[in-house]
PDB file of all heavy atoms in Angstrom:
ATOM      1  N   VAL A   1     185.036  54.128  -8.209  1.00  0.00           N
ATOM      2  CA  VAL A   1     184.958  54.721  -6.878  1.00  0.00           C
ATOM      3  C   VAL A   1     183.636  54.283  -6.275  1.00  0.00           C
ATOM      4  O   VAL A   1     182.695  53.960  -7.010  1.00  0.00           O
ATOM      5  CB  VAL A   1     185.076  56.264  -6.954  1.00  0.00           C
ATOM      6  CG1 VAL A   1     183.824  56.898  -7.559  1.00  0.00           C
ATOM      7  CG2 VAL A   1     185.385  56.874  -5.592  1.00  0.00           C
ATOM      8  N   HIS A   2     183.547  54.254  -4.960  1.00  0.00           N
ATOM      9  CA  HIS A   2     182.312  53.728  -4.377  1.00  0.00           C
ATOM     10  C   HIS A   2     181.113  54.649  -4.608  1.00  0.00           C
ATOM     11  O   HIS A   2     180.024  54.177  -4.933  1.00  0.00           O
ATOM     12  CB  HIS A   2     182.476  53.464  -2.881  1.00  0.00           C
ATOM     13  CG  HIS A   2     181.315  52.742  -2.283  1.00  0.00           C
ATOM     14  ND1 HIS A   2     180.965  51.467  -2.667  1.00  0.00           N
ATOM     15  CD2 HIS A   2     180.383  53.119  -1.350  1.00  0.00           C
ATOM     16  CE1 HIS A   2     179.881  51.082  -1.999  1.00  0.00           C
ATOM     17  NE2 HIS A   2     179.508  52.070  -1.199  1.00  0.00           N
ATOM     18  N   ALA A   3     181.289  55.974  -4.436  1.00  0.00           N
ATOM     19  CA  ALA A   3     180.094  56.832  -4.486  1.00  0.00           C
ATOM     20  C   ALA A   3     180.261  58.139  -5.249  1.00  0.00           C
ATOM     21  O   ALA A   3     179.292  58.634  -5.831  1.00  0.00           O
ATOM     22  CB  ALA A   3     179.616  57.138  -3.069  1.00  0.00           C
ATOM     23  N   TYR A   4     181.454  58.752  -5.265  1.00  0.00           N
ATOM     24  CA  TYR A   4     181.584  60.090  -5.873  1.00  0.00           C
ATOM     25  C   TYR A   4     183.019  60.310  -6.316  1.00  0.00           C
ATOM     26  O   TYR A   4     183.946  60.159  -5.516  1.00  0.00           O
ATOM     27  CB  TYR A   4     181.179  61.158  -4.850  1.00  0.00           C
ATOM     28  CG  TYR A   4     181.387  62.595  -5.261  1.00  0.00           C
ATOM     29  CD1 TYR A   4     181.063  63.062  -6.539  1.00  0.00           C
ATOM     30  CD2 TYR A   4     181.883  63.523  -4.347  1.00  0.00           C
ATOM     31  CE1 TYR A   4     181.243  64.392  -6.890  1.00  0.00           C
ATOM     32  CE2 TYR A   4     182.056  64.855  -4.680  1.00  0.00           C
ATOM     33  CZ  TYR A   4     181.731  65.292  -5.956  1.00  0.00           C
ATOM     34  OH  TYR A   4     181.911  66.613  -6.299  1.00  0.00           O
ATOM     35  N   TRP A   5     183.165  60.702  -7.582  1.00  0.00           N
ATOM     36  CA  TRP A   5     184.498  61.023  -8.099  1.00  0.00           C
ATOM     37  C   TRP A   5     184.665  62.538  -8.172  1.00  0.00           C
ATOM     38  O   TRP A   5     183.969  63.222  -8.904  1.00  0.00           O
ATOM     39  CB  TRP A   5     184.717  60.425  -9.486  1.00  0.00           C
ATOM     40  CG  TRP A   5     186.151  60.594  -9.935  1.00  0.00           C
ATOM     41  CD1 TRP A   5     186.736  61.724 -10.434  1.00  0.00           C
ATOM     42  CD2 TRP A   5     187.177  59.604  -9.869  1.00  0.00           C
ATOM     43  NE1 TRP A   5     188.061  61.506 -10.685  1.00  0.00           N
ATOM     44  CE2 TRP A   5     188.368  60.214 -10.355  1.00  0.00           C
ATOM     45  CE3 TRP A   5     187.218  58.272  -9.473  1.00  0.00           C
ATOM     46  CZ2 TRP A   5     189.575  59.513 -10.446  1.00  0.00           C
ATOM     47  CZ3 TRP A   5     188.419  57.585  -9.560  1.00  0.00           C
ATOM     48  CH2 TRP A   5     189.577  58.209 -10.051  1.00  0.00           C
ATOM     49  N   ASN A   6     185.593  63.026  -7.379  1.00  0.00           N
ATOM     50  CA  ASN A   6     185.948  64.435  -7.363  1.00  0.00           C
ATOM     51  C   ASN A   6     187.474  64.492  -7.359  1.00  0.00           C
ATOM     52  O   ASN A   6     188.120  64.009  -6.418  1.00  0.00           O
ATOM     53  CB  ASN A   6     185.376  65.109  -6.101  1.00  0.00           C
ATOM     54  CG  ASN A   6     185.756  66.567  -5.962  1.00  0.00           C
ATOM     55  OD1 ASN A   6     186.877  66.970  -6.263  1.00  0.00           O
ATOM     56  ND2 ASN A   6     184.824  67.366  -5.474  1.00  0.00           N
ATOM     57  N   ALA A   7     188.052  65.055  -8.411  1.00  0.00           N
ATOM     58  CA  ALA A   7     189.508  65.024  -8.569  1.00  0.00           C
ATOM     59  C   ALA A   7     190.227  65.694  -7.397  1.00  0.00           C
ATOM     60  O   ALA A   7     191.283  65.221  -6.954  1.00  0.00           O
ATOM     61  CB  ALA A   7     189.900  65.690  -9.885  1.00  0.00           C
ATOM     62  N   GLU A   8     189.666  66.778  -6.870  1.00  0.00           N
ATOM     63  CA  GLU A   8     190.295  67.454  -5.734  1.00  0.00           C
ATOM     64  C   GLU A   8     190.263  66.560  -4.482  1.00  0.00           C
ATOM     65  O   GLU A   8     191.233  66.495  -3.730  1.00  0.00           O
ATOM     66  CB  GLU A   8     189.596  68.782  -5.459  1.00  0.00           C
ATOM     67  CG  GLU A   8     189.801  69.819  -6.561  1.00  0.00           C
ATOM     68  CD  GLU A   8     189.157  71.148  -6.220  1.00  0.00           C
ATOM     69  OE1 GLU A   8     188.597  71.280  -5.111  1.00  0.00           O
ATOM     70  OE2 GLU A   8     189.203  72.057  -7.068  1.00  0.00           O
ATOM     71  N   HIS A   9     189.143  65.890  -4.274  1.00  0.00           N
ATOM     72  CA  HIS A   9     189.067  64.961  -3.141  1.00  0.00           C
ATOM     73  C   HIS A   9     190.114  63.855  -3.286  1.00  0.00           C
ATOM     74  O   HIS A   9     190.809  63.504  -2.323  1.00  0.00           O
ATOM     75  CB  HIS A   9     187.685  64.305  -3.087  1.00  0.00           C
ATOM     76  CG  HIS A   9     186.585  65.207  -2.624  1.00  0.00           C
ATOM     77  ND1 HIS A   9     186.784  66.526  -2.277  1.00  0.00           N
ATOM     78  CD2 HIS A   9     185.246  64.966  -2.437  1.00  0.00           C
ATOM     79  CE1 HIS A   9     185.634  67.061  -1.897  1.00  0.00           C
ATOM     80  NE2 HIS A   9     184.695  66.134  -1.985  1.00  0.00           N
ATOM     81  N   ILE A  10     190.206  63.300  -4.490  1.00  0.00           N
ATOM     82  CA  ILE A  10     191.127  62.192  -4.727  1.00  0.00           C
ATOM     83  C   ILE A  10     192.555  62.598  -4.377  1.00  0.00           C
ATOM     84  O   ILE A  10     193.294  61.858  -3.721  1.00  0.00           O
ATOM     85  CB  ILE A  10     191.055  61.740  -6.203  1.00  0.00           C
ATOM     86  CG1 ILE A  10     189.666  61.172  -6.539  1.00  0.00           C
ATOM     87  CG2 ILE A  10     192.161  60.742  -6.532  1.00  0.00           C
ATOM     88  CD1 ILE A  10     189.282  59.935  -5.811  1.00  0.00           C
ATOM     89  N   THR A  11     192.955  63.783  -4.796  1.00  0.00           N
ATOM     90  CA  THR A  11     194.305  64.271  -4.518  1.00  0.00           C
ATOM     91  C   THR A  11     194.556  64.367  -3.019  1.00  0.00           C
ATOM     92  O   THR A  11     195.613  63.946  -2.513  1.00  0.00           O
ATOM     93  CB  THR A  11     194.526  65.644  -5.177  1.00  0.00           C
ATOM     94  OG1 THR A  11     194.380  65.519  -6.598  1.00  0.00           O
ATOM     95  CG2 THR A  11     195.913  66.185  -4.865  1.00  0.00           C
ATOM     96  N   LYS A  12     193.589  64.895  -2.283  1.00  0.00           N
ATOM     97  CA  LYS A  12     193.741  65.028  -0.830  1.00  0.00           C
ATOM     98  C   LYS A  12     193.815  63.670  -0.142  1.00  0.00           C
ATOM     99  O   LYS A  12     194.580  63.480   0.813  1.00  0.00           O
ATOM    100  CB  LYS A  12     192.583  65.844  -0.255  1.00  0.00           C
ATOM    101  CG  LYS A  12     192.592  67.315  -0.652  1.00  0.00           C
ATOM    102  CD  LYS A  12     191.381  68.040  -0.092  1.00  0.00           C
ATOM    103  CE  LYS A  12     191.388  69.505  -0.511  1.00  0.00           C
ATOM    104  NZ  LYS A  12     190.190  70.239  -0.023  1.00  0.00           N
ATOM    105  N   LEU A  13     193.029  62.722  -0.630  1.00  0.00           N
ATOM    106  CA  LEU A  13     192.944  61.425   0.051  1.00  0.00           C
ATOM    107  C   LEU A  13     194.154  60.544  -0.187  1.00  0.00           C
ATOM    108  O   LEU A  13     194.388  59.586   0.561  1.00  0.00           O
ATOM    109  CB  LEU A  13     191.674  60.701  -0.386  1.00  0.00           C
ATOM    110  CG  LEU A  13     190.367  61.397   0.019  1.00  0.00           C
ATOM    111  CD1 LEU A  13     189.163  60.643  -0.537  1.00  0.00           C
ATOM    112  CD2 LEU A  13     190.261  61.528   1.536  1.00  0.00           C
ATOM    113  N   ASN A  14     194.941  60.850  -1.200  1.00  0.00           N
ATOM    114  CA  ASN A  14     196.171  60.078  -1.433  1.00  0.00           C
ATOM    115  C   ASN A  14     197.117  60.153  -0.240  1.00  0.00           C
ATOM    116  O   ASN A  14     197.918  59.240  -0.014  1.00  0.00           O
ATOM    117  CB  ASN A  14     196.879  60.575  -2.693  1.00  0.00           C
ATOM    118  CG  ASN A  14     196.182  60.121  -3.959  1.00  0.00           C
ATOM    119  OD1 ASN A  14     195.474  59.113  -3.967  1.00  0.00           O
ATOM    120  ND2 ASN A  14     196.368  60.863  -5.042  1.00  0.00           N
ATOM    121  N   SER A  15     197.018  61.232   0.536  1.00  0.00           N
ATOM    122  CA  SER A  15     197.919  61.420   1.676  1.00  0.00           C
ATOM    123  C   SER A  15     197.588  60.509   2.856  1.00  0.00           C
ATOM    124  O   SER A  15     198.370  60.410   3.808  1.00  0.00           O
ATOM    125  CB  SER A  15     197.869  62.881   2.146  1.00  0.00           C
ATOM    126  OG  SER A  15     196.570  63.194   2.663  1.00  0.00           O
ATOM    127  N   LEU A  16     196.435  59.824   2.807  1.00  0.00           N
ATOM    128  CA  LEU A  16     196.036  58.962   3.924  1.00  0.00           C
ATOM    129  C   LEU A  16     196.913  57.726   4.050  1.00  0.00           C
ATOM    130  O   LEU A  16     197.042  57.141   5.122  1.00  0.00           O
ATOM    131  CB  LEU A  16     194.585  58.495   3.743  1.00  0.00           C
ATOM    132  CG  LEU A  16     193.479  59.548   3.742  1.00  0.00           C
ATOM    133  CD1 LEU A  16     192.140  58.885   3.466  1.00  0.00           C
ATOM    134  CD2 LEU A  16     193.443  60.308   5.052  1.00  0.00           C
ATOM    135  N   TYR A  17     197.510  57.310   2.935  1.00  0.00           N
ATOM    136  CA  TYR A  17     198.202  56.021   2.887  1.00  0.00           C
ATOM    137  C   TYR A  17     199.694  56.170   3.111  1.00  0.00           C
ATOM    138  O   TYR A  17     200.326  57.094   2.600  1.00  0.00           O
ATOM    139  CB  TYR A  17     197.952  55.356   1.540  1.00  0.00           C
ATOM    140  CG  TYR A  17     196.524  54.902   1.346  1.00  0.00           C
ATOM    141  CD1 TYR A  17     195.536  55.804   0.944  1.00  0.00           C
ATOM    142  CD2 TYR A  17     196.144  53.586   1.584  1.00  0.00           C
ATOM    143  CE1 TYR A  17     194.221  55.408   0.780  1.00  0.00           C
ATOM    144  CE2 TYR A  17     194.838  53.172   1.418  1.00  0.00           C
ATOM    145  CZ  TYR A  17     193.874  54.091   1.014  1.00  0.00           C
ATOM    146  OH  TYR A  17     192.581  53.685   0.857  1.00  0.00           O
ATOM    147  N   GLU A  18     200.239  55.242   3.867  1.00  0.00           N
ATOM    148  CA  GLU A  18     201.679  55.153   4.073  1.00  0.00           C
ATOM    149  C   GLU A  18     202.037  53.678   4.175  1.00  0.00           C
ATOM    150  O   GLU A  18     201.394  52.931   4.914  1.00  0.00           O
ATOM    151  CB  GLU A  18     202.095  55.901   5.344  1.00  0.00           C
ATOM    152  CG  GLU A  18     203.590  55.983   5.528  1.00  0.00           C
ATOM    153  CD  GLU A  18     203.961  56.857   6.713  1.00  0.00           C
ATOM    154  OE1 GLU A  18     203.843  58.090   6.603  1.00  0.00           O
ATOM    155  OE2 GLU A  18     204.367  56.294   7.752  1.00  0.00           O
ATOM    156  N   ASN A  19     203.025  53.260   3.395  1.00  0.00           N
ATOM    157  CA  ASN A  19     203.419  51.849   3.346  1.00  0.00           C
ATOM    158  C   ASN A  19     202.239  50.948   2.985  1.00  0.00           C
ATOM    159  O   ASN A  19     202.072  49.848   3.533  1.00  0.00           O
ATOM    160  CB  ASN A  19     204.042  51.412   4.677  1.00  0.00           C
ATOM    161  CG  ASN A  19     205.317  52.167   4.999  1.00  0.00           C
ATOM    162  OD1 ASN A  19     206.106  52.484   4.103  1.00  0.00           O
ATOM    163  ND2 ASN A  19     205.509  52.483   6.265  1.00  0.00           N
ATOM    164  N   GLY A  20     201.392  51.472   2.067  1.00  0.00           N
ATOM    165  CA  GLY A  20     200.304  50.657   1.541  1.00  0.00           C
ATOM    166  C   GLY A  20     199.108  50.476   2.444  1.00  0.00           C
ATOM    167  O   GLY A  20     198.301  49.571   2.233  1.00  0.00           O
ATOM    168  N   ARG A  21     198.951  51.324   3.446  1.00  0.00           N
ATOM    169  CA  ARG A  21     197.834  51.184   4.388  1.00  0.00           C
ATOM    170  C   ARG A  21     197.418  52.557   4.903  1.00  0.00           C
ATOM    171  O   ARG A  21     198.247  53.459   5.034  1.00  0.00           O
ATOM    172  CB  ARG A  21     198.263  50.300   5.558  1.00  0.00           C
ATOM    173  CG  ARG A  21     197.206  50.121   6.634  1.00  0.00           C
ATOM    174  CD  ARG A  21     197.714  49.276   7.782  1.00  0.00           C
ATOM    175  NE  ARG A  21     197.991  47.909   7.360  1.00  0.00           N
ATOM    176  CZ  ARG A  21     198.516  46.980   8.141  1.00  0.00           C
ATOM    177  NH1 ARG A  21     198.849  47.282   9.390  1.00  0.00           N
ATOM    178  NH2 ARG A  21     198.717  45.755   7.684  1.00  0.00           N
ATOM    179  N   ILE A  22     196.113  52.720   5.185  1.00  0.00           N
ATOM    180  CA  ILE A  22     195.656  53.961   5.808  1.00  0.00           C
ATOM    181  C   ILE A  22     196.207  54.020   7.232  1.00  0.00           C
ATOM    182  O   ILE A  22     195.971  53.113   8.039  1.00  0.00           O
ATOM    183  CB  ILE A  22     194.118  54.045   5.850  1.00  0.00           C
ATOM    184  CG1 ILE A  22     193.520  53.960   4.443  1.00  0.00           C
ATOM    185  CG2 ILE A  22     193.684  55.345   6.522  1.00  0.00           C
ATOM    186  CD1 ILE A  22     192.006  53.956   4.422  1.00  0.00           C
ATOM    187  N   ARG A  23     196.942  55.065   7.519  1.00  0.00           N
ATOM    188  CA  ARG A  23     197.543  55.202   8.841  1.00  0.00           C
ATOM    189  C   ARG A  23     196.477  55.465   9.891  1.00  0.00           C
ATOM    190  O   ARG A  23     195.465  56.119   9.637  1.00  0.00           O
ATOM    191  CB  ARG A  23     198.562  56.344   8.846  1.00  0.00           C
ATOM    192  CG  ARG A  23     199.750  56.097   7.956  1.00  0.00           C
ATOM    193  CD  ARG A  23     200.723  57.261   8.046  1.00  0.00           C
ATOM    194  NE  ARG A  23     201.279  57.404   9.398  1.00  0.00           N
ATOM    195  CZ  ARG A  23     202.023  58.432   9.787  1.00  0.00           C
ATOM    196  NH1 ARG A  23     202.306  59.405   8.926  1.00  0.00           N
ATOM    197  NH2 ARG A  23     202.498  58.496  11.014  1.00  0.00           N
ATOM    198  N   LYS A  24     196.700  54.957  11.107  1.00  0.00           N
ATOM    199  CA  LYS A  24     195.718  55.108  12.174  1.00  0.00           C
ATOM    200  C   LYS A  24     195.458  56.575  12.505  1.00  0.00           C
ATOM    201  O   LYS A  24     194.326  56.965  12.793  1.00  0.00           O
ATOM    202  CB  LYS A  24     196.176  54.356  13.431  1.00  0.00           C
ATOM    203  CG  LYS A  24     195.126  54.351  14.537  1.00  0.00           C
ATOM    204  CD  LYS A  24     195.538  53.451  15.699  1.00  0.00           C
ATOM    205  CE  LYS A  24     194.476  53.463  16.786  1.00  0.00           C
ATOM    206  NZ  LYS A  24     194.841  52.556  17.914  1.00  0.00           N
ATOM    207  N   LYS A  25     196.503  57.393  12.447  1.00  0.00           N
ATOM    208  CA  LYS A  25     196.292  58.804  12.790  1.00  0.00           C
ATOM    209  C   LYS A  25     195.342  59.475  11.801  1.00  0.00           C
ATOM    210  O   LYS A  25     194.608  60.395  12.150  1.00  0.00           O
ATOM    211  CB  LYS A  25     197.626  59.549  12.856  1.00  0.00           C
ATOM    212  CG  LYS A  25     198.241  59.930  11.534  1.00  0.00           C
ATOM    213  CD  LYS A  25     199.429  60.859  11.764  1.00  0.00           C
ATOM    214  CE  LYS A  25     199.970  61.424  10.469  1.00  0.00           C
ATOM    215  NZ  LYS A  25     201.068  62.372  10.689  1.00  0.00           N
ATOM    216  N   TYR A  26     195.297  58.966  10.571  1.00  0.00           N
ATOM    217  CA  TYR A  26     194.372  59.525   9.594  1.00  0.00           C
ATOM    218  C   TYR A  26     192.969  58.939   9.750  1.00  0.00           C
ATOM    219  O   TYR A  26     191.981  59.573   9.356  1.00  0.00           O
ATOM    220  CB  TYR A  26     194.900  59.326   8.187  1.00  0.00           C
ATOM    221  CG  TYR A  26     196.060  60.239   7.867  1.00  0.00           C
ATOM    222  CD1 TYR A  26     197.271  59.733   7.429  1.00  0.00           C
ATOM    223  CD2 TYR A  26     195.948  61.620   8.026  1.00  0.00           C
ATOM    224  CE1 TYR A  26     198.349  60.573   7.155  1.00  0.00           C
ATOM    225  CE2 TYR A  26     197.007  62.466   7.752  1.00  0.00           C
ATOM    226  CZ  TYR A  26     198.210  61.935   7.316  1.00  0.00           C
ATOM    227  OH  TYR A  26     199.270  62.772   7.047  1.00  0.00           O
ATOM    228  N   LEU A  27     192.869  57.748  10.305  1.00  0.00           N
ATOM    229  CA  LEU A  27     191.544  57.233  10.626  1.00  0.00           C
ATOM    230  C   LEU A  27     190.855  58.159  11.629  1.00  0.00           C
ATOM    231  O   LEU A  27     189.640  58.376  11.570  1.00  0.00           O
ATOM    232  CB  LEU A  27     191.642  55.822  11.210  1.00  0.00           C
ATOM    233  CG  LEU A  27     192.053  54.710  10.241  1.00  0.00           C
ATOM    234  CD1 LEU A  27     192.206  53.394  11.000  1.00  0.00           C
ATOM    235  CD2 LEU A  27     191.051  54.557   9.112  1.00  0.00           C
ATOM    236  N   LYS A  28     191.625  58.713  12.540  1.00  0.00           N
ATOM    237  CA  LYS A  28     191.070  59.668  13.497  1.00  0.00           C
ATOM    238  C   LYS A  28     190.630  60.954  12.798  1.00  0.00           C
ATOM    239  O   LYS A  28     189.643  61.582  13.203  1.00  0.00           O
ATOM    240  CB  LYS A  28     192.101  59.985  14.586  1.00  0.00           C
ATOM    241  CG  LYS A  28     192.477  58.790  15.458  1.00  0.00           C
ATOM    242  CD  LYS A  28     193.571  59.167  16.450  1.00  0.00           C
ATOM    243  CE  LYS A  28     193.971  57.964  17.295  1.00  0.00           C
ATOM    244  NZ  LYS A  28     195.073  58.288  18.239  1.00  0.00           N
ATOM    245  N   GLU A  29     191.339  61.315  11.747  1.00  0.00           N
ATOM    246  CA  GLU A  29     190.995  62.526  10.999  1.00  0.00           C
ATOM    247  C   GLU A  29     189.682  62.376  10.233  1.00  0.00           C
ATOM    248  O   GLU A  29     188.853  63.277  10.209  1.00  0.00           O
ATOM    249  CB  GLU A  29     192.115  62.873  10.020  1.00  0.00           C
ATOM    250  CG  GLU A  29     193.385  63.380  10.657  1.00  0.00           C
ATOM    251  CD  GLU A  29     193.233  64.802  11.166  1.00  0.00           C
ATOM    252  OE1 GLU A  29     192.839  65.675  10.381  1.00  0.00           O
ATOM    253  OE2 GLU A  29     193.478  65.017  12.371  1.00  0.00           O
ATOM    254  N   ILE A  30     189.488  61.212   9.613  1.00  0.00           N
ATOM    255  CA  ILE A  30     188.324  61.066   8.737  1.00  0.00           C
ATOM    256  C   ILE A  30     187.012  60.945   9.508  1.00  0.00           C
ATOM    257  O   ILE A  30     185.933  61.070   8.912  1.00  0.00           O
ATOM    258  CB  ILE A  30     188.485  59.864   7.778  1.00  0.00           C
ATOM    259  CG1 ILE A  30     188.583  58.554   8.555  1.00  0.00           C
ATOM    260  CG2 ILE A  30     189.674  60.070   6.854  1.00  0.00           C
ATOM    261  CD1 ILE A  30     188.638  57.322   7.700  1.00  0.00           C
ATOM    262  N   VAL A  31     187.079  60.691  10.821  1.00  0.00           N
ATOM    263  CA  VAL A  31     185.853  60.655  11.620  1.00  0.00           C
ATOM    264  C   VAL A  31     185.635  61.961  12.381  1.00  0.00           C
ATOM    265  O   VAL A  31     184.634  62.112  13.092  1.00  0.00           O
ATOM    266  CB  VAL A  31     185.863  59.471  12.615  1.00  0.00           C
ATOM    267  CG1 VAL A  31     185.950  58.155  11.859  1.00  0.00           C
ATOM    268  CG2 VAL A  31     186.991  59.588  13.632  1.00  0.00           C
ATOM    269  N   ASN A  32     186.538  62.901  12.205  1.00  0.00           N
ATOM    270  CA  ASN A  32     186.463  64.198  12.877  1.00  0.00           C
ATOM    271  C   ASN A  32     185.867  65.234  11.929  1.00  0.00           C
ATOM    272  O   ASN A  32     186.493  65.604  10.927  1.00  0.00           O
ATOM    273  CB  ASN A  32     187.862  64.623  13.332  1.00  0.00           C
ATOM    274  CG  ASN A  32     187.875  66.007  13.962  1.00  0.00           C
ATOM    275  OD1 ASN A  32     186.829  66.612  14.230  1.00  0.00           O
ATOM    276  ND2 ASN A  32     189.079  66.527  14.199  1.00  0.00           N
ATOM    277  N   LYS A  33     184.659  65.702  12.203  1.00  0.00           N
ATOM    278  CA  LYS A  33     183.969  66.628  11.301  1.00  0.00           C
ATOM    279  C   LYS A  33     184.694  67.952  11.132  1.00  0.00           C
ATOM    280  O   LYS A  33     184.418  68.695  10.181  1.00  0.00           O
ATOM    281  CB  LYS A  33     182.541  66.876  11.788  1.00  0.00           C
ATOM    282  CG  LYS A  33     181.653  65.645  11.677  1.00  0.00           C
ATOM    283  CD  LYS A  33     180.219  65.950  12.070  1.00  0.00           C
ATOM    284  CE  LYS A  33     179.335  64.721  11.905  1.00  0.00           C
ATOM    285  NZ  LYS A  33     177.918  65.003  12.264  1.00  0.00           N
ATOM    286  N   GLU A  34     185.613  68.270  12.027  1.00  0.00           N
ATOM    287  CA  GLU A  34     186.377  69.515  11.922  1.00  0.00           C
ATOM    288  C   GLU A  34     187.620  69.359  11.054  1.00  0.00           C
ATOM    289  O   GLU A  34     188.277  70.341  10.715  1.00  0.00           O
ATOM    290  CB  GLU A  34     186.796  69.984  13.321  1.00  0.00           C
ATOM    291  CG  GLU A  34     185.639  70.197  14.289  1.00  0.00           C
ATOM    292  CD  GLU A  34     184.625  71.197  13.764  1.00  0.00           C
ATOM    293  OE1 GLU A  34     185.051  72.238  13.219  1.00  0.00           O
ATOM    294  OE2 GLU A  34     183.416  70.934  13.891  1.00  0.00           O
ATOM    295  N   SER A  35     187.939  68.133  10.678  1.00  0.00           N
ATOM    296  CA  SER A  35     189.144  67.888   9.895  1.00  0.00           C
ATOM    297  C   SER A  35     188.930  68.264   8.425  1.00  0.00           C
ATOM    298  O   SER A  35     187.846  68.036   7.870  1.00  0.00           O
ATOM    299  CB  SER A  35     189.526  66.411   9.983  1.00  0.00           C
ATOM    300  OG  SER A  35     190.507  66.086   9.008  1.00  0.00           O
ATOM    301  N   PRO A  36     189.944  68.808   7.754  1.00  0.00           N
ATOM    302  CA  PRO A  36     189.829  69.112   6.315  1.00  0.00           C
ATOM    303  C   PRO A  36     189.705  67.859   5.453  1.00  0.00           C
ATOM    304  O   PRO A  36     189.378  67.945   4.279  1.00  0.00           O
ATOM    305  CB  PRO A  36     191.125  69.869   6.009  1.00  0.00           C
ATOM    306  CG  PRO A  36     192.085  69.488   7.092  1.00  0.00           C
ATOM    307  CD  PRO A  36     191.241  69.260   8.307  1.00  0.00           C
ATOM    308  N   LEU A  37     189.957  66.689   6.044  1.00  0.00           N
ATOM    309  CA  LEU A  37     189.823  65.435   5.300  1.00  0.00           C
ATOM    310  C   LEU A  37     188.433  64.829   5.414  1.00  0.00           C
ATOM    311  O   LEU A  37     188.095  63.904   4.657  1.00  0.00           O
ATOM    312  CB  LEU A  37     190.851  64.417   5.803  1.00  0.00           C
ATOM    313  CG  LEU A  37     192.313  64.724   5.493  1.00  0.00           C
ATOM    314  CD1 LEU A  37     193.221  63.736   6.212  1.00  0.00           C
ATOM    315  CD2 LEU A  37     192.579  64.686   3.995  1.00  0.00           C
ATOM    316  N   TYR A  38     187.620  65.345   6.341  1.00  0.00           N
ATOM    317  CA  TYR A  38     186.329  64.710   6.617  1.00  0.00           C
ATOM    318  C   TYR A  38     185.390  64.746   5.404  1.00  0.00           C
ATOM    319  O   TYR A  38     184.858  63.705   4.992  1.00  0.00           O
ATOM    320  CB  TYR A  38     185.654  65.381   7.812  1.00  0.00           C
ATOM    321  CG  TYR A  38     184.297  64.797   8.134  1.00  0.00           C
ATOM    322  CD1 TYR A  38     184.181  63.621   8.853  1.00  0.00           C
ATOM    323  CD2 TYR A  38     183.126  65.429   7.701  1.00  0.00           C
ATOM    324  CE1 TYR A  38     182.938  63.063   9.144  1.00  0.00           C
ATOM    325  CE2 TYR A  38     181.881  64.883   7.975  1.00  0.00           C
ATOM    326  CZ  TYR A  38     181.794  63.695   8.701  1.00  0.00           C
ATOM    327  OH  TYR A  38     180.556  63.153   8.966  1.00  0.00           O
ATOM    328  N   VAL A  39     185.185  65.911   4.831  1.00  0.00           N
ATOM    329  CA  VAL A  39     184.254  66.018   3.698  1.00  0.00           C
ATOM    330  C   VAL A  39     184.767  65.263   2.472  1.00  0.00           C
ATOM    331  O   VAL A  39     184.005  64.495   1.867  1.00  0.00           O
ATOM    332  CB  VAL A  39     183.958  67.494   3.364  1.00  0.00           C
ATOM    333  CG1 VAL A  39     183.201  67.609   2.032  1.00  0.00           C
ATOM    334  CG2 VAL A  39     183.133  68.130   4.486  1.00  0.00           C
TER     335      VAL A  39
END
């Protein structure tokens, strides 16, 4: 992993991918500090 291994984070981040790519709608989530995916 690039910086930090946290099993709970890993489980949540698996949902970002669809058809082998991070979906654009989730790119918007990861830059939004209010999103549960941000941290």
